[in-house]
Amino acid sequence: MKKLLALAVVAGGVLFVVKRNKAAKAEADLWREATAPTGPVSANGTTPAKATDASHN
């Protein structure tokens, strides 16, 4: 009976660690996605204007 209880405790601990690692990875992925730049960014942090073709002026 003690062996079965010990096995259940170990299995519960393993499942807890696996679940916590998955949650940490999901949170890291979400943070990375939320803070990723969405386009070209200039040195001062602003998005540069689109270049226009000079031949149409």
N, C-alpha and C. Protein backbone atom coordinates (compact mmCIF):
# COMPACT_ATOMS: atom_id res chain seq x y z
N MET A 1 0.83 -1.19 0.00
CA MET A 1 0.00 0.00 0.00
C MET A 1 0.87 1.25 0.00
N LYS A 2 1.98 1.22 0.75
CA LYS A 2 2.87 2.38 0.80
C LYS A 2 3.53 2.62 -0.56
N LYS A 3 3.86 1.53 -1.26
CA LYS A 3 4.47 1.67 -2.58
C LYS A 3 3.49 2.32 -3.56
N LEU A 4 2.24 1.94 -3.48
CA LEU A 4 1.22 2.51 -4.37
C LEU A 4 1.03 3.99 -4.08
N LEU A 5 1.01 4.35 -2.82
CA LEU A 5 0.88 5.75 -2.44
C LEU A 5 2.09 6.55 -2.89
N ALA A 6 3.28 5.99 -2.74
CA ALA A 6 4.50 6.67 -3.18
C ALA A 6 4.49 6.85 -4.70
N LEU A 7 4.04 5.84 -5.41
CA LEU A 7 3.96 5.93 -6.86
C LEU A 7 2.98 7.01 -7.29
N ALA A 8 1.85 7.10 -6.60
CA ALA A 8 0.86 8.14 -6.91
C ALA A 8 1.42 9.54 -6.64
N VAL A 9 2.17 9.68 -5.57
CA VAL A 9 2.78 10.98 -5.25
C VAL A 9 3.80 11.36 -6.31
N VAL A 10 4.63 10.42 -6.72
CA VAL A 10 5.64 10.70 -7.75
C VAL A 10 4.96 11.04 -9.07
N ALA A 11 3.94 10.28 -9.45
CA ALA A 11 3.23 10.56 -10.70
C ALA A 11 2.56 11.93 -10.65
N GLY A 12 1.98 12.27 -9.53
CA GLY A 12 1.37 13.59 -9.38
C GLY A 12 2.39 14.71 -9.49
N GLY A 13 3.56 14.51 -8.91
CA GLY A 13 4.63 15.50 -9.02
C GLY A 13 5.11 15.68 -10.44
N VAL A 14 5.25 14.57 -11.15
CA VAL A 14 5.68 14.64 -12.55
C VAL A 14 4.63 15.38 -13.39
N LEU A 15 3.38 15.04 -13.20
CA LEU A 15 2.32 15.71 -13.96
C LEU A 15 2.26 17.20 -13.64
N PHE A 16 2.48 17.56 -12.38
CA PHE A 16 2.50 18.96 -11.98
C PHE A 16 3.61 19.72 -12.69
N VAL A 17 4.81 19.13 -12.74
CA VAL A 17 5.95 19.78 -13.38
C VAL A 17 5.71 19.92 -14.88
N VAL A 18 5.18 18.89 -15.51
CA VAL A 18 4.91 18.94 -16.95
C VAL A 18 3.88 20.02 -17.25
N LYS A 19 2.83 20.08 -16.46
CA LYS A 19 1.79 21.09 -16.68
C LYS A 19 2.35 22.50 -16.49
N ARG A 20 3.20 22.67 -15.47
CA ARG A 20 3.78 23.99 -15.20
C ARG A 20 4.72 24.41 -16.34
N ASN A 21 5.49 23.46 -16.88
CA ASN A 21 6.38 23.77 -17.99
C ASN A 21 5.61 24.14 -19.25
N LYS A 22 4.50 23.46 -19.51
CA LYS A 22 3.68 23.80 -20.67
C LYS A 22 3.08 25.19 -20.52
N ALA A 23 2.64 25.52 -19.33
CA ALA A 23 2.07 26.84 -19.09
C ALA A 23 3.13 27.92 -19.24
N ALA A 24 4.33 27.66 -18.77
CA ALA A 24 5.42 28.63 -18.89
C ALA A 24 5.78 28.84 -20.36
N LYS A 25 5.80 27.77 -21.14
CA LYS A 25 6.12 27.88 -22.56
C LYS A 25 5.03 28.66 -23.28
N ALA A 26 3.78 28.38 -22.97
CA ALA A 26 2.67 29.09 -23.60
C ALA A 26 2.73 30.58 -23.26
N GLU A 27 3.04 30.89 -22.02
CA GLU A 27 3.13 32.30 -21.63
C GLU A 27 4.31 32.98 -22.33
N ALA A 28 5.42 32.30 -22.47
CA ALA A 28 6.57 32.87 -23.16
C ALA A 28 6.26 33.11 -24.64
N ASP A 29 5.57 32.15 -25.27
CA ASP A 29 5.19 32.32 -26.67
C ASP A 29 4.23 33.50 -26.84
N LEU A 30 3.29 33.63 -25.93
CA LEU A 30 2.34 34.74 -26.00
C LEU A 30 3.05 36.07 -25.82
N TRP A 31 3.97 36.12 -24.86
CA TRP A 31 4.73 37.36 -24.63
C TRP A 31 5.58 37.71 -25.85
N ARG A 32 6.22 36.70 -26.45
CA ARG A 32 7.05 36.92 -27.62
C ARG A 32 6.20 37.45 -28.78
N GLU A 33 5.02 36.88 -28.95
CA GLU A 33 4.13 37.33 -30.02
C GLU A 33 3.62 38.74 -29.77
N ALA A 34 3.31 39.06 -28.52
CA ALA A 34 2.77 40.38 -28.20
C ALA A 34 3.81 41.48 -28.31
N THR A 35 5.06 41.16 -28.11
CA THR A 35 6.10 42.18 -28.13
C THR A 35 6.91 42.19 -29.41
N ALA A 36 6.58 41.34 -30.37
CA ALA A 36 7.33 41.29 -31.62
C ALA A 36 6.97 42.50 -32.48
N PRO A 37 7.95 43.07 -33.15
CA PRO A 37 7.63 44.18 -34.06
C PRO A 37 6.80 43.66 -35.23
N THR A 38 5.89 44.50 -35.71
CA THR A 38 4.99 44.06 -36.78
C THR A 38 5.45 44.49 -38.15
N GLY A 39 6.44 45.32 -38.25
CA GLY A 39 6.92 45.77 -39.55
C GLY A 39 8.30 46.37 -39.42
N PRO A 40 8.74 47.03 -40.48
CA PRO A 40 10.06 47.66 -40.40
C PRO A 40 10.04 48.81 -39.41
N VAL A 41 11.03 48.87 -38.56
CA VAL A 41 11.12 49.90 -37.54
C VAL A 41 12.43 50.63 -37.73
N SER A 42 12.36 51.95 -37.72
CA SER A 42 13.58 52.73 -37.89
C SER A 42 14.34 52.80 -36.57
N ALA A 43 15.48 53.47 -36.59
CA ALA A 43 16.34 53.53 -35.41
C ALA A 43 15.68 54.28 -34.25
N ASN A 44 14.78 55.23 -34.56
CA ASN A 44 14.16 55.99 -33.47
C ASN A 44 12.87 55.36 -32.97
N GLY A 45 12.52 54.19 -33.49
CA GLY A 45 11.37 53.45 -32.98
C GLY A 45 10.07 53.70 -33.71
N THR A 46 10.08 54.57 -34.72
CA THR A 46 8.87 54.82 -35.48
C THR A 46 8.86 53.99 -36.74
N THR A 47 7.70 53.78 -37.29
CA THR A 47 7.59 53.04 -38.54
C THR A 47 7.83 54.00 -39.69
N PRO A 48 8.76 53.70 -40.57
CA PRO A 48 9.05 54.62 -41.66
C PRO A 48 7.90 54.68 -42.66
N ALA A 49 7.77 55.83 -43.33
CA ALA A 49 6.75 55.98 -44.36
C ALA A 49 7.12 55.12 -45.55
N LYS A 50 6.11 54.72 -46.32
CA LYS A 50 6.38 53.90 -47.50
C LYS A 50 7.07 54.76 -48.55
N ALA A 51 8.01 54.17 -49.24
CA ALA A 51 8.72 54.89 -50.28
C ALA A 51 7.81 55.07 -51.48
N THR A 52 7.86 56.25 -52.07
CA THR A 52 7.07 56.53 -53.26
C THR A 52 7.98 56.52 -54.46
N ASP A 53 7.41 56.20 -55.58
CA ASP A 53 8.19 56.17 -56.82
C ASP A 53 8.35 57.59 -57.33
N ALA A 54 9.57 58.06 -57.53
CA ALA A 54 9.85 59.43 -57.94
C ALA A 54 9.42 59.70 -59.38
N SER A 55 9.24 58.66 -60.16
CA SER A 55 8.89 58.88 -61.56
C SER A 55 7.43 59.34 -61.73
N HIS A 56 6.61 59.16 -60.70
CA HIS A 56 5.21 59.58 -60.79
C HIS A 56 5.00 61.00 -60.34
N ASN A 57 6.01 61.68 -59.89
CA ASN A 57 5.86 63.07 -59.41
C ASN A 57 5.91 64.05 -60.53
